[in-house]
Amino acid sequence: MEKISSFKWFNNVGDVVCFNPSTYESEPIKFEENFSYNHKKNELNSIGVSWLYGDKLIEIPNIWYLSTLPLPEMDKVFVTLYNNGNFEYYIYNADGSIFKKLLCPERRPPYDGDCTFIYEIGWIKTTEGDFTMVATLQGKCDPYYEDRLFNPKSGDFGEVIGRGRR
């Protein structure tokens, strides 16, 4: 099975951020401040992702960029679709088809009862030297966050490995 290549985020004003899996751990992804927000127009930019699967270009528009990332095996993509303030979570296959729809888990108290969403997702190294993933859950308005392990093979959210207040 072919892997994902040339994964990138793009916005409606022409900015592009490329993902390099070989340097991801040592060089975090850098999004400029204006990547998601157009200060001149005082509005959010529309953001999408694209990748190559063989010679086929896959594009998915209207995503939340901080929680859209290829899985460590580079065979699927965790995608957060963003539409009018609502979030939906999916794992897409490399060919652009949907593998699985996900539900965001609830945070454990304390939090202010605000609706929980997956703010960010990333890779973390396991003790065996492989990679798994961690999802940062938070509310849209409250200051509490929770980091949860995410199993990229099963699509299940696991134990809390960190929490705090921003």
Protein backbone atom coordinates (compact mmCIF):
# COMPACT_ATOMS: atom_id res chain seq x y z
CA MET A 1 0.00 0.00 0.00
CA GLU A 2 1.31 3.42 -0.94
CA LYS A 3 1.95 6.01 1.72
CA ILE A 4 0.96 9.66 1.91
CA SER A 5 3.50 12.10 0.51
CA SER A 6 3.71 15.87 0.08
CA PHE A 7 1.26 16.59 2.92
CA LYS A 8 0.56 20.31 3.33
CA TRP A 9 -1.83 22.83 4.82
CA PHE A 10 -3.00 25.75 2.68
CA ASN A 11 -5.23 28.76 3.20
CA ASN A 12 -7.36 30.94 0.92
CA VAL A 13 -4.74 33.70 0.75
CA GLY A 14 -2.04 31.47 -0.75
CA ASP A 15 0.01 30.51 2.32
CA VAL A 16 1.28 26.91 2.40
CA VAL A 17 2.91 24.94 5.25
CA CYS A 18 4.55 21.63 4.32
CA PHE A 19 4.83 18.62 6.62
CA ASN A 20 8.12 16.72 6.80
CA PRO A 21 7.71 13.44 8.73
CA SER A 22 11.46 12.88 8.95
CA THR A 23 12.04 16.13 10.88
CA TYR A 24 8.66 16.44 12.66
CA GLU A 25 10.00 15.46 16.08
CA SER A 26 12.95 17.87 16.01
CA GLU A 27 11.36 20.74 14.04
CA PRO A 28 7.80 21.52 15.13
CA ILE A 29 5.36 22.73 12.50
CA LYS A 30 5.36 26.52 12.35
CA PHE A 31 2.19 28.32 11.33
CA GLU A 32 2.52 32.07 10.97
CA GLU A 33 0.12 34.17 13.06
CA ASN A 34 -1.76 35.24 9.93
CA PHE A 35 -2.15 31.66 8.61
CA SER A 36 -5.56 31.21 10.23
CA TYR A 37 -6.68 34.83 10.57
CA ASN A 38 -6.77 37.63 8.02
CA HIS A 39 -6.14 40.78 10.08
CA LYS A 40 -6.79 43.09 7.12
CA LYS A 41 -10.31 41.73 6.63
CA ASN A 42 -10.86 40.85 10.30
CA GLU A 43 -11.97 37.30 9.45
CA LEU A 44 -10.83 33.70 9.66
CA ASN A 45 -8.99 32.28 6.68
CA SER A 46 -10.38 29.15 5.06
CA ILE A 47 -7.86 26.33 5.55
CA GLY A 48 -7.50 22.96 3.85
CA VAL A 49 -5.01 20.13 3.51
CA SER A 50 -3.69 18.21 0.55
CA TRP A 51 -1.44 15.24 -0.06
CA LEU A 52 -0.36 12.89 -2.78
CA TYR A 53 -1.39 9.26 -2.86
CA GLY A 54 0.64 7.83 -5.69
CA ASP A 55 0.01 10.35 -8.45
CA LYS A 56 -3.46 11.32 -7.16
CA LEU A 57 -3.88 14.69 -5.42
CA ILE A 58 -6.22 14.54 -2.41
CA GLU A 59 -7.64 17.83 -1.05
CA ILE A 60 -9.88 18.37 1.95
CA PRO A 61 -11.17 21.92 2.58
CA ASN A 62 -12.54 23.52 5.74
CA ILE A 63 -10.36 21.90 8.36
CA TRP A 64 -9.09 22.97 11.78
CA TYR A 65 -5.37 22.98 11.01
CA LEU A 66 -3.98 22.30 14.51
CA SER A 67 -5.83 19.00 14.79
CA THR A 68 -5.34 17.73 11.25
CA LEU A 69 -2.21 15.63 10.83
CA PRO A 70 -1.04 12.44 9.10
CA LEU A 71 -0.88 9.37 11.34
CA PRO A 72 2.67 8.19 12.17
CA GLU A 73 2.47 5.30 9.67
CA MET A 74 1.74 7.91 6.93
CA ASP A 75 -1.11 5.72 5.68
CA LYS A 76 -4.03 7.76 7.08
CA VAL A 77 -4.82 11.33 8.18
CA PHE A 78 -6.56 12.57 11.33
CA VAL A 79 -8.86 15.31 10.02
CA THR A 80 -10.90 17.84 11.94
CA LEU A 81 -13.51 19.39 9.70
CA TYR A 82 -14.56 22.89 10.76
CA ASN A 83 -17.88 24.34 9.71
CA ASN A 84 -19.46 27.41 11.33
CA GLY A 85 -17.91 26.74 14.73
CA ASN A 86 -18.72 23.01 14.71
CA PHE A 87 -16.09 20.29 14.59
CA GLU A 88 -16.29 16.78 13.17
CA TYR A 89 -13.46 14.26 13.46
CA TYR A 90 -12.45 11.62 10.95
CA ILE A 91 -9.63 9.35 9.99
CA TYR A 92 -9.16 9.42 6.23
CA ASN A 93 -7.39 6.70 4.29
CA ALA A 94 -4.45 7.74 2.13
CA ASP A 95 -6.69 7.50 -0.97
CA GLY A 96 -9.04 10.19 0.46
CA SER A 97 -11.85 7.85 1.52
CA ILE A 98 -13.16 7.96 5.09
CA PHE A 99 -11.83 5.16 7.29
CA LYS A 100 -13.64 6.09 10.50
CA LYS A 101 -15.70 8.87 12.06
CA LEU A 102 -14.62 9.73 15.62
CA LEU A 103 -16.37 11.22 18.61
CA CYS A 104 -14.53 13.69 20.80
CA PRO A 105 -14.28 12.37 24.36
CA GLU A 106 -15.43 14.53 27.25
CA ARG A 107 -12.81 16.07 29.49
CA ARG A 108 -12.64 15.12 33.11
CA PRO A 109 -13.47 17.87 35.65
CA PRO A 110 -12.55 20.57 36.53
CA TYR A 111 -13.73 22.54 33.56
CA ASP A 112 -16.34 25.23 33.09
CA GLY A 113 -18.85 23.01 31.27
CA ASP A 114 -17.89 24.47 27.89
CA CYS A 115 -18.24 22.21 24.86
CA THR A 116 -15.09 20.11 24.42
CA PHE A 117 -13.22 19.96 21.11
CA ILE A 118 -9.88 18.58 19.94
CA TYR A 119 -7.70 21.67 19.83
CA GLU A 120 -4.49 20.00 18.71
CA ILE A 121 -3.10 16.59 17.80
CA GLY A 122 0.51 15.45 17.55
CA TRP A 123 2.89 12.54 17.50
CA ILE A 124 4.74 11.38 20.61
CA LYS A 125 7.48 8.79 20.90
CA THR A 126 6.72 5.65 22.91
CA THR A 127 9.18 3.89 25.22
CA GLU A 128 9.60 1.30 22.43
CA GLY A 129 10.78 4.03 20.03
CA ASP A 130 7.61 4.00 17.90
CA PHE A 131 5.17 6.87 17.61
CA THR A 132 1.65 7.18 18.92
CA MET A 133 -0.47 10.30 19.15
CA VAL A 134 -1.73 12.73 21.76
CA ALA A 135 -4.84 14.90 21.47
CA THR A 136 -5.29 18.12 23.43
CA LEU A 137 -8.92 18.57 24.44
CA GLN A 138 -10.25 21.93 25.58
CA GLY A 139 -13.35 24.07 25.58
CA LYS A 140 -14.03 26.89 23.18
CA CYS A 141 -14.05 29.46 26.00
CA ASP A 142 -12.84 27.86 29.22
CA PRO A 143 -9.15 27.77 30.20
CA TYR A 144 -8.84 24.03 31.05
CA TYR A 145 -7.17 21.52 28.75
CA GLU A 146 -6.51 17.81 28.90
CA ASP A 147 -3.96 15.74 26.94
CA ARG A 148 -5.18 12.27 26.00
CA LEU A 149 -3.38 9.44 24.29
CA PHE A 150 -4.85 8.58 20.92
CA ASN A 151 -4.26 5.18 19.36
CA PRO A 152 -3.83 5.82 15.62
CA LYS A 153 -4.36 2.13 14.77
CA SER A 154 -7.68 1.67 16.57
CA GLY A 155 -8.94 5.26 16.60
CA ASP A 156 -9.54 5.09 20.35
CA PHE A 157 -8.80 7.81 22.91
CA GLY A 158 -6.98 6.53 25.97
CA GLU A 159 -5.66 7.73 29.28
CA VAL A 160 -5.12 11.31 30.38
CA ILE A 161 -1.39 12.11 30.35
CA GLY A 162 -1.57 15.81 31.19
CA ARG A 163 -3.98 18.53 32.16
CA GLY A 164 -3.92 22.11 33.25
CA ARG A 165 -5.17 25.63 32.85
CA ARG A 166 -4.01 28.08 30.18
